[in-house]
Amino acid sequence: MAALQFELVSPVKLIRSGPVHMVVVPGTEGDFGVLAGHAPMMSTIRPGEIAIYATAGSQPELVHVDGGYAEVSEAGLIILSGDIETVTRQ
């Protein structure tokens, strides 16, 4: 399967940009997963964790966001959020 182009952006800088397998986003209407080829859409994001899967079957990288916006287009997924921090689990 093709890779999804993913960008995570704060008001200050581009946090992450590159191909991933899938991203699960905490939308205000419920969580949704985005793979390459997803239908175009926009959603607001509630505070929570974005799960970024680098490859199929991999453990996700978890990133906490305080809310924001997600846009899915033919070009990929862009998430805009104000406060972004990586979550570490033990």
PDB file of N, CA and C in Angstrom:
ATOM      1  N   MET A   1       0.837  -1.175   0.000  1.00  0.00           N
ATOM      2  CA  MET A   1       0.000   0.000   0.000  1.00  0.00           C
ATOM      3  C   MET A   1       0.885   1.243   0.000  1.00  0.00           C
ATOM      4  N   ALA A   2       0.417   2.264  -0.660  1.00  0.00           N
ATOM      5  CA  ALA A   2       1.165   3.525  -0.740  1.00  0.00           C
ATOM      6  C   ALA A   2       1.244   4.187   0.629  1.00  0.00           C
ATOM      7  N   ALA A   3       2.251   5.018   0.791  1.00  0.00           N
ATOM      8  CA  ALA A   3       2.432   5.745   2.048  1.00  0.00           C
ATOM      9  C   ALA A   3       1.571   7.005   2.064  1.00  0.00           C
ATOM     10  N   LEU A   4       1.195   7.415   3.262  1.00  0.00           N
ATOM     11  CA  LEU A   4       0.440   8.644   3.485  1.00  0.00           C
ATOM     12  C   LEU A   4       1.424   9.756   3.801  1.00  0.00           C
ATOM     13  N   GLN A   5       1.338  10.867   3.096  1.00  0.00           N
ATOM     14  CA  GLN A   5       2.174  12.027   3.412  1.00  0.00           C
ATOM     15  C   GLN A   5       1.550  12.721   4.619  1.00  0.00           C
ATOM     16  N   PHE A   6       2.324  12.887   5.701  1.00  0.00           N
ATOM     17  CA  PHE A   6       1.804  13.420   6.955  1.00  0.00           C
ATOM     18  C   PHE A   6       2.621  14.622   7.402  1.00  0.00           C
ATOM     19  N   GLU A   7       1.907  15.681   7.828  1.00  0.00           N
ATOM     20  CA  GLU A   7       2.569  16.856   8.392  1.00  0.00           C
ATOM     21  C   GLU A   7       1.889  17.231   9.695  1.00  0.00           C
ATOM     22  N   LEU A   8       2.698  17.475  10.719  1.00  0.00           N
ATOM     23  CA  LEU A   8       2.230  17.928  12.018  1.00  0.00           C
ATOM     24  C   LEU A   8       2.819  19.316  12.238  1.00  0.00           C
ATOM     25  N   VAL A   9       1.936  20.312  12.403  1.00  0.00           N
ATOM     26  CA  VAL A   9       2.370  21.703  12.400  1.00  0.00           C
ATOM     27  C   VAL A   9       1.862  22.422  13.651  1.00  0.00           C
ATOM     28  N   SER A  10       2.770  23.165  14.304  1.00  0.00           N
ATOM     29  CA  SER A  10       2.385  24.053  15.407  1.00  0.00           C
ATOM     30  C   SER A  10       2.428  25.478  14.870  1.00  0.00           C
ATOM     31  N   PRO A  11       1.926  26.457  15.622  1.00  0.00           N
ATOM     32  CA  PRO A  11       2.006  27.840  15.143  1.00  0.00           C
ATOM     33  C   PRO A  11       3.442  28.332  14.960  1.00  0.00           C
ATOM     34  N   VAL A  12       4.373  27.670  15.637  1.00  0.00           N
ATOM     35  CA  VAL A  12       5.765  28.121  15.614  1.00  0.00           C
ATOM     36  C   VAL A  12       6.585  27.446  14.529  1.00  0.00           C
ATOM     37  N   LYS A  13       6.343  26.142  14.286  1.00  0.00           N
ATOM     38  CA  LYS A  13       7.187  25.426  13.322  1.00  0.00           C
ATOM     39  C   LYS A  13       6.535  24.136  12.837  1.00  0.00           C
ATOM     40  N   LEU A  14       7.133  23.579  11.812  1.00  0.00           N
ATOM     41  CA  LEU A  14       6.761  22.268  11.305  1.00  0.00           C
ATOM     42  C   LEU A  14       7.405  21.232  12.218  1.00  0.00           C
ATOM     43  N   ILE A  15       6.599  20.418  12.895  1.00  0.00           N
ATOM     44  CA  ILE A  15       7.101  19.445  13.852  1.00  0.00           C
ATOM     45  C   ILE A  15       7.553  18.170  13.155  1.00  0.00           C
ATOM     46  N   ARG A  16       6.755  17.721  12.191  1.00  0.00           N
ATOM     47  CA  ARG A  16       7.066  16.462  11.509  1.00  0.00           C
ATOM     48  C   ARG A  16       6.512  16.514  10.097  1.00  0.00           C
ATOM     49  N   SER A  17       7.256  15.940   9.174  1.00  0.00           N
ATOM     50  CA  SER A  17       6.807  15.862   7.791  1.00  0.00           C
ATOM     51  C   SER A  17       7.424  14.631   7.151  1.00  0.00           C
ATOM     52  N   GLY A  18       6.591  13.799   6.544  1.00  0.00           N
ATOM     53  CA  GLY A  18       7.112  12.631   5.856  1.00  0.00           C
ATOM     54  C   GLY A  18       6.063  11.548   5.689  1.00  0.00           C
ATOM     55  N   PRO A  19       6.444  10.484   5.008  1.00  0.00           N
ATOM     56  CA  PRO A  19       5.500   9.393   4.756  1.00  0.00           C
ATOM     57  C   PRO A  19       5.314   8.503   5.990  1.00  0.00           C
ATOM     58  N   VAL A  20       4.081   8.072   6.217  1.00  0.00           N
ATOM     59  CA  VAL A  20       3.736   7.132   7.283  1.00  0.00           C
ATOM     60  C   VAL A  20       2.719   6.141   6.720  1.00  0.00           C
ATOM     61  N   HIS A  21       2.452   5.083   7.483  1.00  0.00           N
ATOM     62  CA  HIS A  21       1.452   4.106   7.059  1.00  0.00           C
ATOM     63  C   HIS A  21       0.038   4.600   7.381  1.00  0.00           C
ATOM     64  N   MET A  22      -0.172   5.034   8.656  1.00  0.00           N
ATOM     65  CA  MET A  22      -1.506   5.435   9.091  1.00  0.00           C
ATOM     66  C   MET A  22      -1.388   6.379  10.274  1.00  0.00           C
ATOM     67  N   VAL A  23      -2.394   7.245  10.421  1.00  0.00           N
ATOM     68  CA  VAL A  23      -2.491   8.133  11.575  1.00  0.00           C
ATOM     69  C   VAL A  23      -3.913   8.036  12.117  1.00  0.00           C
ATOM     70  N   VAL A  24      -4.032   7.856  13.445  1.00  0.00           N
ATOM     71  CA  VAL A  24      -5.339   7.860  14.103  1.00  0.00           C
ATOM     72  C   VAL A  24      -5.457   9.185  14.845  1.00  0.00           C
ATOM     73  N   VAL A  25      -6.532   9.922  14.546  1.00  0.00           N
ATOM     74  CA  VAL A  25      -6.714  11.295  15.010  1.00  0.00           C
ATOM     75  C   VAL A  25      -7.907  11.361  15.965  1.00  0.00           C
ATOM     76  N   PRO A  26      -7.770  12.088  17.107  1.00  0.00           N
ATOM     77  CA  PRO A  26      -8.900  12.252  18.026  1.00  0.00           C
ATOM     78  C   PRO A  26      -9.833  13.382  17.564  1.00  0.00           C
ATOM     79  N   GLY A  27     -10.709  13.082  16.634  1.00  0.00           N
ATOM     80  CA  GLY A  27     -11.646  14.086  16.128  1.00  0.00           C
ATOM     81  C   GLY A  27     -12.701  14.422  17.166  1.00  0.00           C
ATOM     82  N   THR A  28     -13.302  15.598  17.048  1.00  0.00           N
ATOM     83  CA  THR A  28     -14.337  15.991  18.004  1.00  0.00           C
ATOM     84  C   THR A  28     -15.586  15.125  17.892  1.00  0.00           C
ATOM     85  N   GLU A  29     -15.804  14.501  16.753  1.00  0.00           N
ATOM     86  CA  GLU A  29     -16.947  13.605  16.565  1.00  0.00           C
ATOM     87  C   GLU A  29     -16.560  12.137  16.772  1.00  0.00           C
ATOM     88  N   GLY A  30     -15.309  11.902  17.186  1.00  0.00           N
ATOM     89  CA  GLY A  30     -14.812  10.547  17.404  1.00  0.00           C
ATOM     90  C   GLY A  30     -13.487  10.348  16.694  1.00  0.00           C
ATOM     91  N   ASP A  31     -12.746   9.333  17.131  1.00  0.00           N
ATOM     92  CA  ASP A  31     -11.453   9.035  16.516  1.00  0.00           C
ATOM     93  C   ASP A  31     -11.640   8.571  15.081  1.00  0.00           C
ATOM     94  N   PHE A  32     -10.680   8.912  14.214  1.00  0.00           N
ATOM     95  CA  PHE A  32     -10.720   8.416  12.838  1.00  0.00           C
ATOM     96  C   PHE A  32      -9.307   8.114  12.370  1.00  0.00           C
ATOM     97  N   GLY A  33      -9.194   7.084  11.559  1.00  0.00           N
ATOM     98  CA  GLY A  33      -7.908   6.688  10.997  1.00  0.00           C
ATOM     99  C   GLY A  33      -7.784   7.165   9.566  1.00  0.00           C
ATOM    100  N   VAL A  34      -6.566   7.543   9.197  1.00  0.00           N
ATOM    101  CA  VAL A  34      -6.310   8.026   7.841  1.00  0.00           C
ATOM    102  C   VAL A  34      -5.194   7.196   7.232  1.00  0.00           C
ATOM    103  N   LEU A  35      -5.477   6.602   6.086  1.00  0.00           N
ATOM    104  CA  LEU A  35      -4.506   5.869   5.275  1.00  0.00           C
ATOM    105  C   LEU A  35      -4.359   6.600   3.944  1.00  0.00           C
ATOM    106  N   ALA A  36      -3.354   6.251   3.176  1.00  0.00           N
ATOM    107  CA  ALA A  36      -3.205   6.815   1.830  1.00  0.00           C
ATOM    108  C   ALA A  36      -4.482   6.539   1.041  1.00  0.00           C
ATOM    109  N   GLY A  37      -4.923   7.524   0.270  1.00  0.00           N
ATOM    110  CA  GLY A  37      -6.123   7.362  -0.544  1.00  0.00           C
ATOM    111  C   GLY A  37      -7.418   7.693   0.181  1.00  0.00           C
ATOM    112  N   HIS A  38      -7.345   8.179   1.421  1.00  0.00           N
ATOM    113  CA  HIS A  38      -8.542   8.543   2.181  1.00  0.00           C
ATOM    114  C   HIS A  38      -9.294   9.653   1.455  1.00  0.00           C
ATOM    115  N   ALA A  39     -10.611   9.653   1.573  1.00  0.00           N
ATOM    116  CA  ALA A  39     -11.430  10.703   0.966  1.00  0.00           C
ATOM    117  C   ALA A  39     -11.097  12.053   1.603  1.00  0.00           C
ATOM    118  N   PRO A  40     -11.112  13.127   0.819  1.00  0.00           N
ATOM    119  CA  PRO A  40     -10.844  14.455   1.366  1.00  0.00           C
ATOM    120  C   PRO A  40     -11.862  14.827   2.447  1.00  0.00           C
ATOM    121  N   MET A  41     -11.380  15.459   3.514  1.00  0.00           N
ATOM    122  CA  MET A  41     -12.255  15.894   4.605  1.00  0.00           C
ATOM    123  C   MET A  41     -11.505  16.867   5.499  1.00  0.00           C
ATOM    124  N   MET A  42     -12.252  17.583   6.330  1.00  0.00           N
ATOM    125  CA  MET A  42     -11.673  18.432   7.374  1.00  0.00           C
ATOM    126  C   MET A  42     -12.387  18.106   8.669  1.00  0.00           C
ATOM    127  N   SER A  43     -11.661  18.218   9.793  1.00  0.00           N
ATOM    128  CA  SER A  43     -12.246  17.942  11.089  1.00  0.00           C
ATOM    129  C   SER A  43     -11.559  18.783  12.147  1.00  0.00           C
ATOM    130  N   THR A  44     -12.307  19.150  13.164  1.00  0.00           N
ATOM    131  CA  THR A  44     -11.678  19.716  14.347  1.00  0.00           C
ATOM    132  C   THR A  44     -11.172  18.555  15.193  1.00  0.00           C
ATOM    133  N   ILE A  45     -10.159  18.835  16.014  1.00  0.00           N
ATOM    134  CA  ILE A  45      -9.541  17.809  16.847  1.00  0.00           C
ATOM    135  C   ILE A  45      -9.743  18.189  18.311  1.00  0.00           C
ATOM    136  N   ARG A  46     -10.129  17.218  19.126  1.00  0.00           N
ATOM    137  CA  ARG A  46     -10.238  17.451  20.563  1.00  0.00           C
ATOM    138  C   ARG A  46      -8.882  17.168  21.212  1.00  0.00           C
ATOM    139  N   PRO A  47      -8.641  17.651  22.419  1.00  0.00           N
ATOM    140  CA  PRO A  47      -7.390  17.309  23.107  1.00  0.00           C
ATOM    141  C   PRO A  47      -7.276  15.787  23.262  1.00  0.00           C
ATOM    142  N   GLY A  48      -6.111  15.266  22.981  1.00  0.00           N
ATOM    143  CA  GLY A  48      -5.894  13.825  23.062  1.00  0.00           C
ATOM    144  C   GLY A  48      -4.600  13.431  22.391  1.00  0.00           C
ATOM    145  N   GLU A  49      -4.498  12.138  22.074  1.00  0.00           N
ATOM    146  CA  GLU A  49      -3.276  11.611  21.481  1.00  0.00           C
ATOM    147  C   GLU A  49      -3.484  11.208  20.034  1.00  0.00           C
ATOM    148  N   ILE A  50      -2.567  11.638  19.199  1.00  0.00           N
ATOM    149  CA  ILE A  50      -2.503  11.200  17.803  1.00  0.00           C
ATOM    150  C   ILE A  50      -1.598   9.974  17.791  1.00  0.00           C
ATOM    151  N   ALA A  51      -2.038   8.902  17.154  1.00  0.00           N
ATOM    152  CA  ALA A  51      -1.226   7.687  17.021  1.00  0.00           C
ATOM    153  C   ALA A  51      -0.681   7.634  15.599  1.00  0.00           C
ATOM    154  N   ILE A  52       0.650   7.662  15.470  1.00  0.00           N
ATOM    155  CA  ILE A  52       1.311   7.673  14.163  1.00  0.00           C
ATOM    156  C   ILE A  52       1.980   6.322  13.946  1.00  0.00           C
ATOM    157  N   TYR A  53       1.512   5.580  12.954  1.00  0.00           N
ATOM    158  CA  TYR A  53       2.062   4.265  12.626  1.00  0.00           C
ATOM    159  C   TYR A  53       3.017   4.425  11.439  1.00  0.00           C
ATOM    160  N   ALA A  54       4.295   4.237  11.675  1.00  0.00           N
ATOM    161  CA  ALA A  54       5.300   4.408  10.618  1.00  0.00           C
ATOM    162  C   ALA A  54       5.133   3.357   9.526  1.00  0.00           C
ATOM    163  N   THR A  55       4.857   2.114   9.929  1.00  0.00           N
ATOM    164  CA  THR A  55       4.653   1.006   8.989  1.00  0.00           C
ATOM    165  C   THR A  55       3.488   0.157   9.469  1.00  0.00           C
ATOM    166  N   ALA A  56       2.961  -0.673   8.593  1.00  0.00           N
ATOM    167  CA  ALA A  56       1.874  -1.577   8.966  1.00  0.00           C
ATOM    168  C   ALA A  56       2.352  -2.516  10.066  1.00  0.00           C
ATOM    169  N   GLY A  57       1.581  -2.639  11.122  1.00  0.00           N
ATOM    170  CA  GLY A  57       1.916  -3.545  12.206  1.00  0.00           C
ATOM    171  C   GLY A  57       2.898  -3.001  13.225  1.00  0.00           C
ATOM    172  N   SER A  58       3.384  -1.781  13.037  1.00  0.00           N
ATOM    173  CA  SER A  58       4.346  -1.215  13.989  1.00  0.00           C
ATOM    174  C   SER A  58       3.622  -0.647  15.201  1.00  0.00           C
ATOM    175  N   GLN A  59       4.371  -0.425  16.279  1.00  0.00           N
ATOM    176  CA  GLN A  59       3.827   0.254  17.455  1.00  0.00           C
ATOM    177  C   GLN A  59       3.704   1.739  17.119  1.00  0.00           C
ATOM    178  N   PRO A  60       2.618   2.378  17.556  1.00  0.00           N
ATOM    179  CA  PRO A  60       2.452   3.788  17.193  1.00  0.00           C
ATOM    180  C   PRO A  60       3.323   4.717  18.031  1.00  0.00           C
ATOM    181  N   GLU A  61       3.711   5.801  17.414  1.00  0.00           N
ATOM    182  CA  GLU A  61       4.299   6.924  18.136  1.00  0.00           C
ATOM    183  C   GLU A  61       3.112   7.763  18.591  1.00  0.00           C
ATOM    184  N   LEU A  62       3.035   8.069  19.882  1.00  0.00           N
ATOM    185  CA  LEU A  62       1.915   8.837  20.411  1.00  0.00           C
ATOM    186  C   LEU A  62       2.344  10.277  20.650  1.00  0.00           C
ATOM    187  N   VAL A  63       1.532  11.193  20.147  1.00  0.00           N
ATOM    188  CA  VAL A  63       1.804  12.621  20.284  1.00  0.00           C
ATOM    189  C   VAL A  63       0.556  13.273  20.859  1.00  0.00           C
ATOM    190  N   HIS A  64       0.716  13.978  21.977  1.00  0.00           N
ATOM    191  CA  HIS A  64      -0.415  14.658  22.603  1.00  0.00           C
ATOM    192  C   HIS A  64      -0.610  16.028  21.961  1.00  0.00           C
ATOM    193  N   VAL A  65      -1.869  16.344  21.647  1.00  0.00           N
ATOM    194  CA  VAL A  65      -2.219  17.654  21.111  1.00  0.00           C
ATOM    195  C   VAL A  65      -3.323  18.253  21.969  1.00  0.00           C
ATOM    196  N   ASP A  66      -3.394  19.569  22.013  1.00  0.00           N
ATOM    197  CA  ASP A  66      -4.420  20.225  22.833  1.00  0.00           C
ATOM    198  C   ASP A  66      -5.662  20.594  22.031  1.00  0.00           C
ATOM    199  N   GLY A  67      -5.802  20.032  20.858  1.00  0.00           N
ATOM    200  CA  GLY A  67      -6.902  20.345  19.954  1.00  0.00           C
ATOM    201  C   GLY A  67      -6.317  20.885  18.662  1.00  0.00           C
ATOM    202  N   GLY A  68      -7.179  21.271  17.754  1.00  0.00           N
ATOM    203  CA  GLY A  68      -6.697  21.828  16.493  1.00  0.00           C
ATOM    204  C   GLY A  68      -7.568  21.416  15.332  1.00  0.00           C
ATOM    205  N   TYR A  69      -6.929  21.273  14.181  1.00  0.00           N
ATOM    206  CA  TYR A  69      -7.628  20.968  12.936  1.00  0.00           C
ATOM    207  C   TYR A  69      -6.867  19.907  12.147  1.00  0.00           C
ATOM    208  N   ALA A  70      -7.614  19.078  11.436  1.00  0.00           N
ATOM    209  CA  ALA A  70      -7.018  18.085  10.541  1.00  0.00           C
ATOM    210  C   ALA A  70      -7.615  18.273   9.154  1.00  0.00           C
ATOM    211  N   GLU A  71      -6.759  18.228   8.150  1.00  0.00           N
ATOM    212  CA  GLU A  71      -7.221  18.305   6.764  1.00  0.00           C
ATOM    213  C   GLU A  71      -6.644  17.126   5.999  1.00  0.00           C
ATOM    214  N   VAL A  72      -7.539  16.343   5.404  1.00  0.00           N
ATOM    215  CA  VAL A  72      -7.135  15.240   4.542  1.00  0.00           C
ATOM    216  C   VAL A  72      -7.420  15.670   3.109  1.00  0.00           C
ATOM    217  N   SER A  73      -6.411  15.556   2.253  1.00  0.00           N
ATOM    218  CA  SER A  73      -6.572  15.908   0.841  1.00  0.00           C
ATOM    219  C   SER A  73      -5.828  14.869   0.008  1.00  0.00           C
ATOM    220  N   GLU A  74      -5.849  15.061  -1.294  1.00  0.00           N
ATOM    221  CA  GLU A  74      -5.095  14.158  -2.170  1.00  0.00           C
ATOM    222  C   GLU A  74      -3.611  14.176  -1.831  1.00  0.00           C
ATOM    223  N   ALA A  75      -3.130  15.302  -1.276  1.00  0.00           N
ATOM    224  CA  ALA A  75      -1.714  15.438  -0.934  1.00  0.00           C
ATOM    225  C   ALA A  75      -1.348  14.715   0.359  1.00  0.00           C
ATOM    226  N   GLY A  76      -2.335  14.395   1.215  1.00  0.00           N
ATOM    227  CA  GLY A  76      -2.060  13.698   2.467  1.00  0.00           C
ATOM    228  C   GLY A  76      -2.832  14.296   3.626  1.00  0.00           C
ATOM    229  N   LEU A  77      -2.264  14.190   4.836  1.00  0.00           N
ATOM    230  CA  LEU A  77      -2.897  14.659   6.067  1.00  0.00           C
ATOM    231  C   LEU A  77      -2.043  15.750   6.696  1.00  0.00           C
ATOM    232  N   ILE A  78      -2.693  16.868   7.020  1.00  0.00           N
ATOM    233  CA  ILE A  78      -2.029  17.950   7.741  1.00  0.00           C
ATOM    234  C   ILE A  78      -2.791  18.165   9.037  1.00  0.00           C
ATOM    235  N   ILE A  79      -2.065  18.166  10.161  1.00  0.00           N
ATOM    236  CA  ILE A  79      -2.663  18.457  11.464  1.00  0.00           C
ATOM    237  C   ILE A  79      -2.041  19.746  11.983  1.00  0.00           C
ATOM    238  N   LEU A  80      -2.916  20.685  12.363  1.00  0.00           N
ATOM    239  CA  LEU A  80      -2.497  21.959  12.943  1.00  0.00           C
ATOM    240  C   LEU A  80      -2.938  21.966  14.397  1.00  0.00           C
ATOM    241  N   SER A  81      -1.997  22.171  15.321  1.00  0.00           N
ATOM    242  CA  SER A  81      -2.326  22.178  16.737  1.00  0.00           C
ATOM    243  C   SER A  81      -1.412  23.148  17.466  1.00  0.00           C
ATOM    244  N   GLY A  82      -1.922  23.719  18.554  1.00  0.00           N
ATOM    245  CA  GLY A  82      -1.157  24.704  19.303  1.00  0.00           C
ATOM    246  C   GLY A  82      -0.097  24.113  20.203  1.00  0.00           C
ATOM    247  N   ASP A  83      -0.446  23.130  21.011  1.00  0.00           N
ATOM    248  CA  ASP A  83       0.492  22.551  21.972  1.00  0.00           C
ATOM    249  C   ASP A  83       0.693  21.087  21.623  1.00  0.00           C
ATOM    250  N   ILE A  84       1.920  20.716  21.306  1.00  0.00           N
ATOM    251  CA  ILE A  84       2.235  19.362  20.831  1.00  0.00           C
ATOM    252  C   ILE A  84       3.371  18.807  21.669  1.00  0.00           C
ATOM    253  N   GLU A  85       3.187  17.579  22.211  1.00  0.00           N
ATOM    254  CA  GLU A  85       4.291  16.944  22.934  1.00  0.00           C
ATOM    255  C   GLU A  85       4.237  15.437  22.753  1.00  0.00           C
ATOM    256  N   THR A  86       5.408  14.833  22.623  1.00  0.00           N
ATOM    257  CA  THR A  86       5.515  13.387  22.473  1.00  0.00           C
ATOM    258  C   THR A  86       5.189  12.721  23.796  1.00  0.00           C
ATOM    259  N   VAL A  87       4.444  11.628  23.729  1.00  0.00           N
ATOM    260  CA  VAL A  87       4.052  10.881  24.920  1.00  0.00           C
ATOM    261  C   VAL A  87       4.972   9.671  25.049  1.00  0.00           C
ATOM    262  N   THR A  88       5.548   9.481  26.222  1.00  0.00           N
ATOM    263  CA  THR A  88       6.363   8.278  26.453  1.00  0.00           C
ATOM    264  C   THR A  88       5.640   7.396  27.446  1.00  0.00           C
ATOM    265  N   ARG A  89       5.579   6.117  27.152  1.00  0.00           N
ATOM    266  CA  ARG A  89       4.909   5.138  28.033  1.00  0.00           C
ATOM    267  C   ARG A  89       5.940   4.194  28.596  1.00  0.00           C
ATOM    268  N   GLN A  90       5.702   3.748  29.810  1.00  0.00           N
ATOM    269  CA  GLN A  90       6.638   2.799  30.426  1.00  0.00           C
ATOM    270  C   GLN A  90       5.943   1.528  30.762  1.00  0.00           C
TER     271      GLN A  90
END
